[in-house]
């Protein structure tokens, strides 16, 4: 996949001379990859607009035909039309379009055994990020982390006709795709016709703010025969749409960008400008009674000002049964300095105790090449979590020297419901020969400062409110 990404990225430089920026290029690339893979998988595309029809044209006829394909696919009913909503051609030079079509046609994409469009998109954004463009990591969660979360959460829709799975910040659809792949692996694909129809059309839901990753999510799932329902809109600033789900798997976008004020939501008990804490409130609210959630949160969401208030309410409404502290560098290369956790909870039971697994202390930081994130990083956690997806299986507190410990609600209350609890001495931080890279230390400092910024925004909001009340 790396060679392919390098080839595609090299062509991106060529297209810049044709007035096509990297974002437009990635978008055009996904249209063409989708049509090529649909052809390989024999997924229905109207004959007039399929891959064979595109690749036989050249010159001005190719530009005209390509524009016609996108225009007419926008008009198709159902999910196909949704995928190509607002699709516009960006090529001015037919030679460049033909060259890209030829490059794509040389590969048997479906045989690569990976989420090709997602991987290509991710690889190209990584290249872009390395050249100084920011924000590439907002759409992605490492696949090994997603798989581990799915394995312990067991999002199985077979035994409940009303079972639904949602990612309210779905990006390119990684969680939804992995949840479906897990089910296919569990069942070896042996599902009766009526059941598979329900699962493929009424089970997987999402929401995404940005049109491009949403389009990729729809494409990926469509190529797997899924009719996914992915709403385009702002998850936390728009009113609750009233839909409830059985299982939530999500990684809300990190950072404070765009979070200048608290959302005006009647269903949010705690008012804060912190996006991730608002996602926690949103996820709790959209769960069905008895439903379960796993949400990735940066460290500051476990200790900053409003965190305790949010978790106090959450622990009254839900059983916050498990927290996983992730290794440093888990989100390398996009957000290498972000220190994060996964918080697991079930709605309908109040919290009596919370188990914390420290997967970070004395674990060498993740790097893209020398120390990539693998399944090995999560094996011990999955064993400790147990077989019950709601975290109610038999567990053992391994004590001060171990990675898995139980904390009673009384201890958590004493800490003002803040869950940044550590007990292992991290030897790696004291080894001068194995300190984190400078850019990682800087990124960690930025994360800490963003937490302070969130607190200052909340203080400013209080001052403004009190000022108005006094006047």
Protein backbone atom coordinates (compact mmCIF):
# COMPACT_ATOMS: atom_id res chain seq x y z
CA UNK A 1 0.00 0.00 0.00
CA UNK A 2 2.94 2.34 0.72
CA UNK A 3 4.19 2.07 -2.87
CA UNK A 4 0.72 2.83 -4.19
CA UNK A 5 0.32 5.84 -1.91
CA UNK A 6 3.73 7.16 -3.00
CA UNK A 7 2.69 6.79 -6.63
CA UNK A 8 -0.61 8.55 -6.05
CA UNK A 9 1.05 11.30 -4.03
CA UNK A 10 3.62 11.88 -6.75
CA UNK A 11 0.80 12.40 -9.21
CA UNK A 12 -0.79 14.88 -6.80
CA UNK A 13 2.21 17.17 -7.34
CA UNK A 14 1.63 17.00 -11.10
CA UNK A 15 -2.01 17.95 -10.72
CA UNK A 16 -1.18 21.04 -8.71
CA UNK A 17 0.04 22.55 -11.98
CA UNK A 18 -3.45 21.88 -13.35
CA UNK A 19 -4.98 23.94 -10.53
CA UNK A 20 -6.13 20.93 -8.48
CA UNK A 21 -5.22 21.11 -4.80
CA UNK A 22 -4.58 18.00 -2.70
CA UNK A 23 -8.09 18.00 -1.22
CA UNK A 24 -9.76 18.10 -4.63
CA UNK A 25 -7.36 15.45 -5.89
CA UNK A 26 -8.18 13.09 -3.03
CA UNK A 27 -11.88 13.60 -3.69
CA UNK A 28 -11.56 12.87 -7.43
CA UNK A 29 -9.39 9.88 -6.62
CA UNK A 30 -12.05 8.40 -4.35
CA UNK A 31 -14.72 8.71 -7.09
CA UNK A 32 -12.53 6.81 -9.53
CA UNK A 33 -11.38 4.20 -6.98
CA UNK A 34 -15.00 3.58 -6.03
CA UNK A 35 -16.02 2.98 -9.66
CA UNK A 36 -13.02 0.71 -10.26
CA UNK A 37 -13.69 -1.36 -7.13
CA UNK A 38 -17.40 -1.53 -7.91
CA UNK A 39 -16.41 -3.00 -11.26
CA UNK A 40 -14.12 -5.55 -9.57
CA UNK A 41 -16.76 -6.56 -7.05
CA UNK A 42 -19.62 -6.54 -9.60
CA UNK A 43 -21.48 -3.98 -7.47
CA UNK A 44 -24.31 -2.45 -9.47
CA UNK A 45 -23.48 0.80 -11.27
CA UNK A 46 -25.62 1.87 -14.27
CA UNK A 47 -23.85 0.63 -17.41
CA UNK A 48 -23.60 4.12 -18.93
CA UNK A 49 -21.54 5.32 -15.98
CA UNK A 50 -19.39 2.32 -15.04
CA UNK A 51 -15.63 1.92 -15.06
CA UNK A 52 -15.43 0.27 -18.47
CA UNK A 53 -17.21 3.21 -20.03
CA UNK A 54 -14.86 5.73 -18.44
CA UNK A 55 -11.57 4.04 -19.28
CA UNK A 56 -12.28 3.64 -23.00
CA UNK A 57 -12.61 7.41 -23.56
CA UNK A 58 -9.80 9.92 -24.12
CA UNK A 59 -9.25 13.58 -24.93
CA UNK A 60 -12.11 16.05 -24.61
CA UNK A 61 -14.62 13.18 -24.86
CA UNK A 62 -13.17 11.78 -21.63
CA UNK A 63 -13.63 15.09 -19.78
CA UNK A 64 -17.20 15.37 -21.06
CA UNK A 65 -18.04 11.75 -20.23
CA UNK A 66 -16.52 11.99 -16.74
CA UNK A 67 -18.55 15.12 -16.01
CA UNK A 68 -21.66 13.33 -17.32
CA UNK A 69 -20.95 10.30 -15.08
CA UNK A 70 -20.72 12.41 -11.92
CA UNK A 71 -23.74 14.50 -12.85
CA UNK A 72 -25.95 11.47 -13.45
CA UNK A 73 -24.73 9.45 -10.46
CA UNK A 74 -25.77 12.41 -8.29
CA UNK A 75 -29.32 11.81 -9.53
CA UNK A 76 -29.39 8.08 -8.76
CA UNK A 77 -31.92 7.08 -6.09
CA UNK A 78 -30.90 5.80 -2.68
CA UNK A 79 -27.41 5.43 -1.31
CA UNK A 80 -25.60 5.68 -4.66
CA UNK A 81 -27.01 9.15 -5.22
CA UNK A 82 -26.12 10.05 -1.64
CA UNK A 83 -22.51 8.98 -2.21
CA UNK A 84 -22.17 11.27 -5.23
CA UNK A 85 -24.05 14.24 -3.71
CA UNK A 86 -22.46 17.48 -4.96
CA UNK A 87 -19.83 15.50 -6.89
CA UNK A 88 -18.14 17.81 -9.41
CA UNK A 89 -15.29 17.14 -11.87
CA UNK A 90 -12.11 19.10 -11.18
CA UNK A 91 -9.92 18.09 -14.12
CA UNK A 92 -9.12 20.64 -16.83
CA UNK A 93 -6.53 18.58 -18.70
CA UNK A 94 -7.76 15.27 -20.21
CA UNK A 95 -4.19 13.92 -20.25
CA UNK A 96 -4.01 14.12 -16.45
CA UNK A 97 -7.40 12.46 -16.00
CA UNK A 98 -6.46 9.68 -18.42
CA UNK A 99 -3.16 9.12 -16.66
CA UNK A 100 -4.89 8.76 -13.27
CA UNK A 101 -7.48 6.35 -14.75
CA UNK A 102 -4.68 4.25 -16.24
CA UNK A 103 -2.79 4.25 -12.94
CA UNK A 104 -5.88 3.06 -11.07
CA UNK A 105 -6.71 0.46 -13.71
CA UNK A 106 -3.29 -1.17 -13.30
CA UNK A 107 -4.12 -2.35 -9.77
CA UNK A 108 -6.53 -5.05 -8.61
CA UNK A 109 -7.69 -2.98 -5.65
CA UNK A 110 -10.15 -5.46 -4.18
CA UNK A 111 -7.39 -8.07 -3.90
CA UNK A 112 -5.25 -5.91 -1.59
CA UNK A 113 -7.16 -7.09 1.48
CA UNK A 114 -7.31 -3.65 3.11
CA UNK A 115 -9.76 -0.77 3.24
CA UNK A 116 -8.20 0.59 0.08
CA UNK A 117 -9.85 3.98 -0.31
CA UNK A 118 -9.51 4.65 3.41
CA UNK A 119 -5.84 3.58 3.35
CA UNK A 120 -5.10 5.65 0.24
CA UNK A 121 -6.95 8.63 1.71
CA UNK A 122 -5.13 8.18 5.03
CA UNK A 123 -1.76 7.82 3.32
CA UNK A 124 -2.27 10.91 1.21
CA UNK A 125 -3.39 12.95 4.20
CA UNK A 126 -0.33 11.73 6.09
CA UNK A 127 1.86 12.97 3.25
CA UNK A 128 0.03 16.27 3.32
CA UNK A 129 0.39 16.51 7.11
CA UNK A 130 4.12 15.91 6.86
CA UNK A 131 4.33 18.92 4.55
CA UNK A 132 2.80 21.14 7.18
CA UNK A 133 -0.94 20.90 6.60
CA UNK A 134 -2.81 20.34 9.82
CA UNK A 135 -5.87 18.33 10.69
CA UNK A 136 -5.05 15.11 8.84
CA UNK A 137 -5.60 12.98 11.91
CA UNK A 138 -9.11 14.09 12.68
CA UNK A 139 -10.68 11.38 10.52
CA UNK A 140 -8.71 8.35 11.68
CA UNK A 141 -8.37 5.97 14.56
CA UNK A 142 -5.62 3.31 14.36
CA UNK A 143 -7.13 0.10 13.04
CA UNK A 144 -5.56 -2.04 15.80
CA UNK A 145 -7.21 0.11 18.46
CA UNK A 146 -10.58 -0.08 16.70
CA UNK A 147 -10.33 -3.87 16.42
CA UNK A 148 -9.54 -4.21 20.12
CA UNK A 149 -12.46 -2.01 21.12
CA UNK A 150 -14.78 -4.00 18.85
CA UNK A 151 -13.53 -7.35 20.20
CA UNK A 152 -14.38 -6.46 23.80
CA UNK A 153 -17.63 -4.63 22.96
CA UNK A 154 -18.99 -7.46 20.77
CA UNK A 155 -21.46 -5.41 18.68
CA UNK A 156 -23.63 -8.41 17.75
CA UNK A 157 -27.03 -7.60 16.17
CA UNK A 158 -28.14 -11.21 15.65
CA UNK A 159 -30.21 -11.72 18.80
CA UNK A 160 -32.03 -8.38 18.99
CA UNK A 161 -34.04 -7.07 16.04
CA UNK A 162 -33.71 -3.53 17.39
CA UNK A 163 -29.91 -3.67 17.86
CA UNK A 164 -28.18 -0.67 16.27
CA UNK A 165 -24.57 0.50 16.19
CA UNK A 166 -23.60 4.16 15.92
CA UNK A 167 -20.48 6.26 15.57
CA UNK A 168 -21.48 9.91 16.08
CA UNK A 169 -18.09 11.13 14.81
CA UNK A 170 -17.58 8.49 12.15
CA UNK A 171 -14.93 10.00 9.84
CA UNK A 172 -14.31 7.47 7.08
CA UNK A 173 -16.32 4.78 8.88
CA UNK A 174 -13.55 2.71 10.49
CA UNK A 175 -15.55 1.69 13.57
CA UNK A 176 -18.64 0.74 11.56
CA UNK A 177 -16.56 -1.22 9.05
CA UNK A 178 -14.68 -3.11 11.79
CA UNK A 179 -17.93 -3.88 13.63
CA UNK A 180 -19.32 -5.47 10.47
CA UNK A 181 -16.07 -7.33 9.74
CA UNK A 182 -16.07 -8.67 13.32
CA UNK A 183 -19.60 -10.00 12.84
CA UNK A 184 -18.69 -11.67 9.55
CA UNK A 185 -15.67 -13.29 11.21
CA UNK A 186 -17.73 -14.47 14.19
CA UNK A 187 -20.40 -16.02 11.97
CA UNK A 188 -18.12 -17.07 9.10
CA UNK A 189 -20.67 -15.24 6.97
CA UNK A 190 -23.31 -17.89 7.71
CA UNK A 191 -26.40 -15.73 8.24
CA UNK A 192 -29.86 -16.48 6.91
CA UNK A 193 -31.25 -14.23 4.19
CA UNK A 194 -33.82 -12.40 6.32
CA UNK A 195 -31.30 -11.71 9.09
CA UNK A 196 -28.56 -10.49 6.77
CA UNK A 197 -31.00 -8.09 5.08
CA UNK A 198 -31.88 -6.49 8.42
CA UNK A 199 -28.24 -6.32 9.47
CA UNK A 200 -27.14 -4.74 6.21
CA UNK A 201 -29.92 -2.15 6.04
CA UNK A 202 -30.99 -1.31 9.61
CA UNK A 203 -27.97 -1.75 11.88
CA UNK A 204 -25.11 0.65 11.12
CA UNK A 205 -25.49 4.39 11.71
CA UNK A 206 -23.21 7.38 11.96
CA UNK A 207 -22.83 11.13 11.83
CA UNK A 208 -20.05 13.22 10.32
CA UNK A 209 -19.51 16.96 10.07
CA UNK A 210 -17.27 16.97 6.95
CA UNK A 211 -18.66 15.84 3.56
CA UNK A 212 -15.49 14.17 2.20
CA UNK A 213 -14.86 11.60 4.94
CA UNK A 214 -18.62 10.95 5.09
CA UNK A 215 -18.56 10.15 1.38
CA UNK A 216 -15.66 7.74 1.95
CA UNK A 217 -17.55 6.03 4.75
CA UNK A 218 -20.63 5.59 2.55
CA UNK A 219 -18.46 4.25 -0.30
CA UNK A 220 -16.56 1.75 1.86
CA UNK A 221 -19.69 0.35 3.41
CA UNK A 222 -21.62 0.34 0.13
CA UNK A 223 -18.89 -1.80 -1.47
CA UNK A 224 -19.45 -4.30 1.35
CA UNK A 225 -23.17 -4.40 0.60
CA UNK A 226 -24.18 -2.24 3.57
CA UNK A 227 -26.81 0.47 3.35
CA UNK A 228 -25.37 2.67 6.06
CA UNK A 229 -27.21 5.69 7.43
CA UNK A 230 -24.69 8.50 7.96
CA UNK A 231 -26.17 11.87 8.81
CA UNK A 232 -24.25 14.96 7.68
CA UNK A 233 -24.23 17.54 10.45
CA UNK A 234 -22.71 18.82 13.69
CA UNK A 235 -23.15 16.18 16.38
CA UNK A 236 -22.90 18.39 19.45
CA UNK A 237 -24.09 21.81 18.26
CA UNK A 238 -27.28 20.61 16.57
CA UNK A 239 -30.31 19.58 18.69
CA UNK A 240 -30.74 15.93 19.67
CA UNK A 241 -32.57 14.17 16.81
CA UNK A 242 -34.25 11.73 19.19
CA UNK A 243 -32.72 8.51 17.80
CA UNK A 244 -31.36 5.98 20.32
CA UNK A 245 -28.77 3.24 19.78
CA UNK A 246 -27.74 -0.05 21.37
CA UNK A 247 -23.97 0.32 20.94
CA UNK A 248 -21.72 3.33 20.40
CA UNK A 249 -18.12 3.10 19.23
CA UNK A 250 -16.45 6.45 18.62
CA UNK A 251 -13.39 8.66 18.70
CA UNK A 252 -14.48 12.32 18.80
CA UNK A 253 -12.10 14.79 17.11
CA UNK A 254 -9.29 16.00 19.39
CA UNK A 255 -8.39 19.61 20.03
CA UNK A 256 -10.34 22.79 20.72
CA UNK A 257 -10.80 24.07 17.16
CA UNK A 258 -14.31 25.35 16.66
CA UNK A 259 -15.22 24.92 20.33
CA UNK A 260 -15.41 28.59 21.31
CA UNK A 261 -18.68 28.27 23.15
CA UNK A 262 -20.79 25.70 24.92
CA UNK A 263 -23.54 24.21 22.77
CA UNK A 264 -27.07 25.27 23.63
CA UNK A 265 -28.45 21.81 24.27
CA UNK A 266 -31.32 21.28 26.71
CA UNK A 267 -30.25 17.65 27.13
CA UNK A 268 -26.71 18.55 28.31
CA UNK A 269 -26.58 18.84 32.10
CA UNK A 270 -23.09 20.35 32.27
CA UNK A 271 -22.30 23.44 30.21
CA UNK A 272 -18.77 23.36 28.78
CA UNK A 273 -16.94 24.35 25.61
CA UNK A 274 -14.84 21.15 25.72
CA UNK A 275 -15.87 19.19 22.61
CA UNK A 276 -14.93 15.77 23.93
CA UNK A 277 -16.79 16.24 27.22
CA UNK A 278 -19.83 17.29 25.20
CA UNK A 279 -19.46 14.12 23.15
CA UNK A 280 -19.51 12.14 26.42
CA UNK A 281 -22.81 13.79 27.34
CA UNK A 282 -24.17 13.22 23.83
CA UNK A 283 -23.19 9.54 23.79
CA UNK A 284 -24.83 8.96 27.15
CA UNK A 285 -28.01 10.63 25.96
CA UNK A 286 -28.33 8.73 22.67
CA UNK A 287 -27.83 5.29 24.21
CA UNK A 288 -30.86 3.06 24.72
CA UNK A 289 -31.41 1.83 28.31
CA UNK A 290 -28.96 -1.04 28.75
CA UNK A 291 -26.92 0.15 25.77
CA UNK A 292 -23.14 0.24 25.90
CA UNK A 293 -20.49 2.68 24.68
CA UNK A 294 -16.74 2.88 24.15
CA UNK A 295 -15.36 6.36 23.54
CA UNK A 296 -11.76 7.51 22.97
CA UNK A 297 -10.89 10.58 25.05
CA UNK A 298 -7.67 12.58 25.51
CA UNK A 299 -6.18 12.70 29.01
CA UNK A 300 -7.42 16.22 29.73
CA UNK A 301 -11.01 14.93 29.61
CA UNK A 302 -10.26 12.90 32.73
CA UNK A 303 -8.90 15.78 34.82
CA UNK A 304 -9.72 19.28 33.54
CA UNK A 305 -12.19 21.60 35.30
CA UNK A 306 -15.55 20.34 34.06
CA UNK A 307 -14.45 16.72 33.67
CA UNK A 308 -15.39 15.82 37.25
CA UNK A 309 -18.85 17.37 36.85
CA UNK A 310 -19.51 15.50 33.61
CA UNK A 311 -18.34 12.17 35.02
CA UNK A 312 -20.31 12.65 38.23
CA UNK A 313 -23.51 12.85 36.17
CA UNK A 314 -22.35 10.05 33.86
CA UNK A 315 -21.67 7.76 36.82
CA UNK A 316 -25.18 8.35 38.15
CA UNK A 317 -26.77 7.44 34.82
CA UNK A 318 -24.30 4.81 33.63
CA UNK A 319 -21.93 2.16 34.88
CA UNK A 320 -18.52 3.54 33.91
CA UNK A 321 -16.92 0.17 34.39
CA UNK A 322 -13.58 0.36 32.53
CA UNK A 323 -10.91 2.84 31.47
CA UNK A 324 -8.00 1.88 29.21
CA UNK A 325 -4.94 4.17 29.27
CA UNK A 326 -3.46 3.99 25.77
CA UNK A 327 0.28 3.89 25.00
CA UNK A 328 2.03 7.16 24.21
CA UNK A 329 2.07 7.86 20.51
CA UNK A 330 -1.01 5.74 19.76
CA UNK A 331 -2.16 8.31 17.20
CA UNK A 332 1.20 8.62 15.46
CA UNK A 333 1.78 10.10 12.89
CA UNK A 334 -1.24 12.41 12.97
CA UNK A 335 -1.39 13.45 16.61
CA UNK A 336 1.74 11.87 18.13
CA UNK A 337 1.66 13.86 21.37
CA UNK A 338 -1.94 13.15 22.28
CA UNK A 339 -2.22 10.96 25.37
CA UNK A 340 -5.56 9.22 25.28
CA UNK A 341 -7.84 6.68 26.91
CA UNK A 342 -10.86 4.58 26.08
CA UNK A 343 -13.79 4.91 28.48
CA UNK A 344 -16.35 2.07 28.53
CA UNK A 345 -19.81 2.44 30.06
CA UNK A 346 -23.31 0.95 30.09
CA UNK A 347 -26.47 3.03 30.45
CA UNK A 348 -29.07 2.32 33.10
CA UNK A 349 -26.89 1.26 36.05
CA UNK A 350 -25.08 3.64 38.36
CA UNK A 351 -21.34 3.16 38.85
CA UNK A 352 -20.21 1.17 41.89
CA UNK A 353 -16.58 0.79 40.85
CA UNK A 354 -14.33 1.51 37.87
CA UNK A 355 -11.53 -0.72 36.62
CA UNK A 356 -8.50 0.99 35.08
CA UNK A 357 -6.00 -0.75 32.81
CA UNK A 358 -2.67 1.07 32.48
CA UNK A 359 -1.44 0.28 28.98
CA UNK A 360 0.97 3.23 29.02
CA UNK A 361 3.42 3.08 31.94
CA UNK A 362 6.68 1.36 31.05
CA UNK A 363 5.49 0.77 27.48
CA UNK A 364 7.83 2.23 24.83
CA UNK A 365 6.16 5.01 22.86
CA UNK A 366 4.58 4.14 19.52
CA UNK A 367 6.41 5.18 16.36
CA UNK A 368 5.28 4.65 12.79
CA UNK A 369 8.18 2.42 11.70
CA UNK A 370 10.32 1.12 14.59
CA UNK A 371 7.52 0.51 17.13
CA UNK A 372 4.12 0.49 15.38
CA UNK A 373 0.88 -0.16 17.23
CA UNK A 374 0.00 -3.87 17.05
CA UNK A 375 -2.46 -6.37 18.52
CA UNK A 376 0.19 -7.22 21.14
CA UNK A 377 -0.42 -3.84 22.79
CA UNK A 378 -4.00 -4.88 23.62
CA UNK A 379 -3.81 -8.63 24.35
CA UNK A 380 -3.40 -8.29 28.10
CA UNK A 381 -6.13 -5.65 28.29
CA UNK A 382 -8.61 -7.82 26.38
CA UNK A 383 -7.90 -10.76 28.68
CA UNK A 384 -8.42 -8.60 31.78
CA UNK A 385 -11.61 -7.05 30.32
CA UNK A 386 -13.22 -10.47 30.06
CA UNK A 387 -15.95 -11.92 27.85
CA UNK A 388 -18.86 -9.78 29.03
CA UNK A 389 -19.17 -6.75 26.70
CA UNK A 390 -20.76 -4.80 29.57
CA UNK A 391 -17.70 -5.31 31.76
CA UNK A 392 -19.50 -7.51 34.29
CA UNK A 393 -17.40 -10.65 33.87
CA UNK A 394 -15.10 -12.08 36.52
CA UNK A 395 -12.11 -9.77 37.06
CA UNK A 396 -9.09 -9.69 39.32
CA UNK A 397 -7.39 -6.64 40.84
CA UNK A 398 -3.70 -7.38 40.33
CA UNK A 399 -2.51 -4.84 42.93
CA UNK A 400 0.02 -2.01 42.97
CA UNK A 401 2.52 -3.82 40.75
CA UNK A 402 0.02 -4.81 38.05
CA UNK A 403 -1.72 -3.00 35.22
CA UNK A 404 -5.36 -3.70 36.12
CA UNK A 405 -6.93 -2.21 39.26
CA UNK A 406 -10.37 -1.60 40.70
CA UNK A 407 -11.41 1.71 42.26
CA UNK A 408 -14.59 1.98 44.32
CA UNK A 409 -16.95 4.88 43.68
CA UNK A 410 -16.07 6.29 47.12
CA UNK A 411 -12.40 6.64 46.02
CA UNK A 412 -13.46 8.26 42.76
CA UNK A 413 -15.77 10.65 44.63
CA UNK A 414 -12.84 11.70 46.84
CA UNK A 415 -11.02 12.66 43.64
CA UNK A 416 -14.00 14.79 42.55
CA UNK A 417 -14.88 12.15 39.93
CA UNK A 418 -11.66 12.73 38.00
CA UNK A 419 -10.33 9.51 36.50
CA UNK A 420 -6.68 10.39 35.82
CA UNK A 421 -5.62 7.73 38.34
CA UNK A 422 -2.11 6.30 38.11
CA UNK A 423 -0.19 3.96 40.39
CA UNK A 424 2.67 2.46 38.38
CA UNK A 425 6.00 4.29 38.37
CA UNK A 426 6.86 4.94 34.74
CA UNK A 427 10.54 4.08 34.41
CA UNK A 428 10.65 5.15 30.75
CA UNK A 429 10.20 8.79 31.76
CA UNK A 430 13.33 8.63 33.91
CA UNK A 431 15.57 6.97 31.32
CA UNK A 432 17.47 9.81 29.62
CA UNK A 433 18.31 7.46 26.76
CA UNK A 434 14.66 6.72 26.04
CA UNK A 435 12.88 10.03 26.42
CA UNK A 436 10.03 10.83 24.00
CA UNK A 437 10.92 12.67 20.80
CA UNK A 438 10.97 16.49 21.10
CA UNK A 439 7.94 16.87 18.80
CA UNK A 440 6.00 14.46 21.02
CA UNK A 441 6.90 16.42 24.16
CA UNK A 442 5.82 19.65 22.45
CA UNK A 443 2.55 18.06 21.34
CA UNK A 444 1.91 16.82 24.90
CA UNK A 445 2.50 20.36 26.18
CA UNK A 446 0.01 21.70 23.62
CA UNK A 447 -2.57 19.14 24.82
CA UNK A 448 -2.08 20.31 28.43
CA UNK A 449 -2.39 23.96 27.37
CA UNK A 450 -5.59 23.22 25.45
CA UNK A 451 -7.06 21.83 28.65
CA UNK A 452 -6.23 25.12 30.37
CA UNK A 453 -7.79 27.04 27.47
CA UNK A 454 -11.01 25.04 27.90
CA UNK A 455 -11.09 25.95 31.60
CA UNK A 456 -10.47 29.63 30.80
CA UNK A 457 -13.31 29.63 28.27
CA UNK A 458 -15.67 28.20 30.86
CA UNK A 459 -14.54 30.84 33.40
CA UNK A 460 -15.03 33.59 30.81
CA UNK A 461 -18.52 32.31 30.05
CA UNK A 462 -19.37 32.43 33.75
CA UNK A 463 -18.00 35.96 34.06
CA UNK A 464 -20.05 37.11 31.06
CA UNK A 465 -23.22 35.48 32.43
CA UNK A 466 -22.70 37.01 35.87
CA UNK A 467 -21.89 40.37 34.33
CA UNK A 468 -25.18 40.33 32.41
CA UNK A 469 -27.13 39.30 35.51
CA UNK A 470 -25.59 42.15 37.50
CA UNK A 471 -26.41 44.70 34.81
